[in-house]
Amino acid sequence: MAVMMCSRQGCERLLSVSRVPGGNPVARNDPEHWAVVFWHCASCRAYFCDRCVTRRVLRRPVCVSCAGVLARPDIDALLN
């Protein structure tokens, strides 16, 4: 299982990068420490867990660091 950390300062959650539908079972069963849903900012190249993405503009999530638009990353590109 590939692992990354949430980029928001103070957040200690790990991001589970997995091709398994619904996310890696280990990560799914420990949502306090793991996130299976996360977002990527193309502007500042940061990754954020689902709990840290709270601001939205026109129903799209916004980066908490640079206010750039967030998108779900391409898992296949991250794993290759």
N, C-alpha and C. Protein backbone atom coordinates (compact mmCIF):
# COMPACT_ATOMS: atom_id res chain seq x y z
N MET A 1 0.85 -1.18 0.00
CA MET A 1 0.00 0.00 0.00
C MET A 1 0.89 1.23 0.00
N ALA A 2 0.69 2.10 -0.96
CA ALA A 2 1.41 3.37 -0.99
C ALA A 2 0.78 4.32 0.03
N VAL A 3 1.62 5.11 0.67
CA VAL A 3 1.16 5.98 1.74
C VAL A 3 1.73 7.38 1.55
N MET A 4 0.89 8.38 1.80
CA MET A 4 1.33 9.77 1.82
C MET A 4 0.77 10.39 3.09
N MET A 5 1.21 11.59 3.41
CA MET A 5 0.68 12.30 4.57
C MET A 5 -0.14 13.49 4.11
N CYS A 6 -1.15 13.84 4.89
CA CYS A 6 -1.94 15.04 4.62
C CYS A 6 -1.01 16.25 4.79
N SER A 7 -1.15 17.21 3.89
CA SER A 7 -0.26 18.38 3.89
C SER A 7 -0.67 19.49 4.84
N ARG A 8 -1.86 19.41 5.38
CA ARG A 8 -2.30 20.48 6.27
C ARG A 8 -1.54 20.42 7.59
N GLN A 9 -1.03 21.55 8.01
CA GLN A 9 -0.26 21.63 9.24
C GLN A 9 -1.13 21.21 10.42
N GLY A 10 -0.62 20.30 11.23
CA GLY A 10 -1.35 19.82 12.38
C GLY A 10 -2.13 18.55 12.14
N CYS A 11 -2.34 18.18 10.90
CA CYS A 11 -3.05 16.94 10.59
C CYS A 11 -2.03 15.80 10.49
N GLU A 12 -2.31 14.74 11.19
CA GLU A 12 -1.39 13.60 11.20
C GLU A 12 -1.95 12.38 10.47
N ARG A 13 -3.05 12.57 9.75
CA ARG A 13 -3.64 11.43 9.03
C ARG A 13 -2.79 11.04 7.84
N LEU A 14 -2.76 9.75 7.59
CA LEU A 14 -2.07 9.21 6.43
C LEU A 14 -3.07 9.00 5.31
N LEU A 15 -2.60 9.11 4.08
CA LEU A 15 -3.45 8.93 2.91
C LEU A 15 -3.11 7.59 2.27
N SER A 16 -4.10 6.73 2.19
CA SER A 16 -3.92 5.41 1.60
C SER A 16 -4.15 5.48 0.10
N VAL A 17 -3.10 5.25 -0.66
CA VAL A 17 -3.18 5.25 -2.12
C VAL A 17 -3.34 3.81 -2.56
N SER A 18 -4.53 3.46 -3.03
CA SER A 18 -4.84 2.07 -3.34
C SER A 18 -5.79 1.97 -4.52
N ARG A 19 -5.58 0.93 -5.31
CA ARG A 19 -6.50 0.64 -6.43
C ARG A 19 -7.69 -0.19 -5.97
N VAL A 20 -7.69 -0.64 -4.74
CA VAL A 20 -8.77 -1.45 -4.20
C VAL A 20 -10.05 -0.60 -4.15
N PRO A 21 -11.15 -1.07 -4.72
CA PRO A 21 -12.40 -0.30 -4.67
C PRO A 21 -12.80 0.00 -3.21
N GLY A 22 -13.03 1.26 -2.92
CA GLY A 22 -13.40 1.67 -1.56
C GLY A 22 -12.20 1.91 -0.66
N GLY A 23 -11.00 1.65 -1.16
CA GLY A 23 -9.79 1.88 -0.39
C GLY A 23 -9.29 0.63 0.31
N ASN A 24 -8.07 0.70 0.76
CA ASN A 24 -7.45 -0.42 1.46
C ASN A 24 -8.24 -0.73 2.73
N PRO A 25 -8.55 -2.00 3.00
CA PRO A 25 -9.34 -2.37 4.17
C PRO A 25 -8.72 -1.94 5.50
N VAL A 26 -7.40 -1.99 5.60
CA VAL A 26 -6.73 -1.55 6.84
C VAL A 26 -7.02 -0.07 7.08
N ALA A 27 -6.89 0.73 6.04
CA ALA A 27 -7.15 2.16 6.16
C ALA A 27 -8.63 2.45 6.41
N ARG A 28 -9.50 1.73 5.72
CA ARG A 28 -10.95 1.92 5.91
C ARG A 28 -11.38 1.63 7.33
N ASN A 29 -10.75 0.67 7.97
CA ASN A 29 -11.13 0.28 9.33
C ASN A 29 -10.52 1.16 10.42
N ASP A 30 -9.68 2.12 10.04
CA ASP A 30 -9.07 3.03 11.02
C ASP A 30 -9.16 4.47 10.51
N PRO A 31 -10.38 5.02 10.40
CA PRO A 31 -10.54 6.36 9.82
C PRO A 31 -9.95 7.49 10.67
N GLU A 32 -9.63 7.22 11.91
CA GLU A 32 -9.02 8.25 12.75
C GLU A 32 -7.59 8.55 12.30
N HIS A 33 -6.91 7.54 11.79
CA HIS A 33 -5.51 7.70 11.39
C HIS A 33 -5.27 7.64 9.89
N TRP A 34 -6.27 7.16 9.15
CA TRP A 34 -6.13 6.98 7.70
C TRP A 34 -7.27 7.65 6.94
N ALA A 35 -6.95 8.10 5.74
CA ALA A 35 -7.97 8.62 4.81
C ALA A 35 -7.87 7.84 3.51
N VAL A 36 -9.00 7.37 3.01
CA VAL A 36 -9.02 6.71 1.71
C VAL A 36 -9.52 7.67 0.63
N VAL A 37 -10.08 8.80 1.05
CA VAL A 37 -10.52 9.85 0.14
C VAL A 37 -9.62 11.06 0.39
N PHE A 38 -8.97 11.53 -0.66
CA PHE A 38 -8.10 12.69 -0.51
C PHE A 38 -8.06 13.48 -1.80
N TRP A 39 -7.52 14.68 -1.72
CA TRP A 39 -7.55 15.64 -2.82
C TRP A 39 -6.15 16.16 -3.09
N HIS A 40 -5.92 16.61 -4.32
CA HIS A 40 -4.63 17.14 -4.75
C HIS A 40 -4.80 18.55 -5.30
N CYS A 41 -3.87 19.43 -4.94
CA CYS A 41 -3.86 20.79 -5.48
C CYS A 41 -2.78 20.87 -6.55
N ALA A 42 -3.17 21.16 -7.77
CA ALA A 42 -2.21 21.26 -8.86
C ALA A 42 -1.34 22.50 -8.72
N SER A 43 -1.85 23.53 -8.04
CA SER A 43 -1.10 24.77 -7.90
C SER A 43 0.09 24.62 -6.96
N CYS A 44 -0.14 24.11 -5.75
CA CYS A 44 0.96 23.99 -4.78
C CYS A 44 1.42 22.55 -4.58
N ARG A 45 0.79 21.61 -5.29
CA ARG A 45 1.15 20.18 -5.28
C ARG A 45 0.98 19.51 -3.91
N ALA A 46 0.09 20.02 -3.11
CA ALA A 46 -0.18 19.45 -1.79
C ALA A 46 -1.32 18.44 -1.89
N TYR A 47 -1.36 17.53 -0.92
CA TYR A 47 -2.42 16.53 -0.81
C TYR A 47 -3.12 16.73 0.52
N PHE A 48 -4.45 16.64 0.53
CA PHE A 48 -5.23 16.86 1.74
C PHE A 48 -6.24 15.75 1.95
N CYS A 49 -6.40 15.33 3.20
CA CYS A 49 -7.39 14.30 3.53
C CYS A 49 -8.79 14.91 3.46
N ASP A 50 -9.79 14.04 3.48
CA ASP A 50 -11.17 14.50 3.38
C ASP A 50 -11.59 15.40 4.53
N ARG A 51 -11.01 15.25 5.71
CA ARG A 51 -11.37 16.09 6.85
C ARG A 51 -10.80 17.51 6.76
N CYS A 52 -9.67 17.65 6.07
CA CYS A 52 -9.03 18.97 5.98
C CYS A 52 -9.59 19.82 4.84
N VAL A 53 -10.34 19.22 3.95
CA VAL A 53 -10.94 19.97 2.84
C VAL A 53 -12.33 20.40 3.27
N THR A 54 -12.43 21.63 3.75
CA THR A 54 -13.71 22.11 4.24
C THR A 54 -14.21 23.32 3.46
N ARG A 55 -13.32 24.13 2.91
CA ARG A 55 -13.73 25.31 2.16
C ARG A 55 -14.14 24.90 0.75
N ARG A 56 -15.24 25.47 0.29
CA ARG A 56 -15.71 25.16 -1.06
C ARG A 56 -16.16 26.45 -1.76
N VAL A 57 -15.84 26.55 -3.02
CA VAL A 57 -16.26 27.67 -3.85
C VAL A 57 -17.01 27.06 -5.04
N LEU A 58 -18.24 27.47 -5.22
CA LEU A 58 -19.08 26.93 -6.29
C LEU A 58 -19.11 25.40 -6.26
N ARG A 59 -19.24 24.85 -5.05
CA ARG A 59 -19.33 23.40 -4.81
C ARG A 59 -18.07 22.64 -5.16
N ARG A 60 -16.97 23.33 -5.39
CA ARG A 60 -15.69 22.67 -5.65
C ARG A 60 -14.79 22.90 -4.46
N PRO A 61 -14.05 21.87 -4.02
CA PRO A 61 -13.15 22.05 -2.89
C PRO A 61 -11.99 22.98 -3.24
N VAL A 62 -11.56 23.75 -2.25
CA VAL A 62 -10.50 24.73 -2.44
C VAL A 62 -9.33 24.40 -1.52
N CYS A 63 -8.11 24.56 -2.01
CA CYS A 63 -6.90 24.28 -1.26
C CYS A 63 -6.81 25.18 -0.03
N VAL A 64 -6.51 24.60 1.11
CA VAL A 64 -6.40 25.37 2.35
C VAL A 64 -5.07 26.12 2.42
N SER A 65 -4.12 25.80 1.55
CA SER A 65 -2.83 26.47 1.55
C SER A 65 -2.77 27.66 0.58
N CYS A 66 -3.25 27.44 -0.66
CA CYS A 66 -3.09 28.48 -1.68
C CYS A 66 -4.39 28.92 -2.33
N ALA A 67 -5.51 28.34 -1.91
CA ALA A 67 -6.84 28.64 -2.46
C ALA A 67 -7.02 28.15 -3.90
N GLY A 68 -6.14 27.27 -4.36
CA GLY A 68 -6.29 26.67 -5.68
C GLY A 68 -7.41 25.64 -5.66
N VAL A 69 -7.87 25.26 -6.83
CA VAL A 69 -8.94 24.28 -6.94
C VAL A 69 -8.36 22.88 -6.74
N LEU A 70 -9.02 22.08 -5.94
CA LEU A 70 -8.58 20.72 -5.67
C LEU A 70 -9.28 19.73 -6.58
N ALA A 71 -8.63 18.62 -6.83
CA ALA A 71 -9.20 17.54 -7.63
C ALA A 71 -8.76 16.22 -7.04
N ARG A 72 -9.55 15.19 -7.29
CA ARG A 72 -9.15 13.85 -6.88
C ARG A 72 -7.99 13.42 -7.75
N PRO A 73 -6.91 12.91 -7.17
CA PRO A 73 -5.75 12.52 -8.00
C PRO A 73 -5.99 11.23 -8.78
N ASP A 74 -5.22 11.06 -9.83
CA ASP A 74 -5.25 9.83 -10.63
C ASP A 74 -4.40 8.80 -9.88
N ILE A 75 -5.05 7.82 -9.28
CA ILE A 75 -4.38 6.81 -8.47
C ILE A 75 -3.36 6.03 -9.31
N ASP A 76 -3.71 5.69 -10.54
CA ASP A 76 -2.78 4.93 -11.38
C ASP A 76 -1.49 5.71 -11.61
N ALA A 77 -1.59 7.00 -11.80
CA ALA A 77 -0.39 7.82 -12.01
C ALA A 77 0.45 7.89 -10.74
N LEU A 78 -0.19 7.91 -9.57
CA LEU A 78 0.56 7.95 -8.31
C LEU A 78 1.30 6.65 -8.05
N LEU A 79 0.72 5.53 -8.45
CA LEU A 79 1.31 4.23 -8.17
C LEU A 79 2.34 3.80 -9.22
N ASN A 80 2.40 4.47 -10.32
CA ASN A 80 3.39 4.08 -11.36
C ASN A 80 4.61 4.94 -11.29
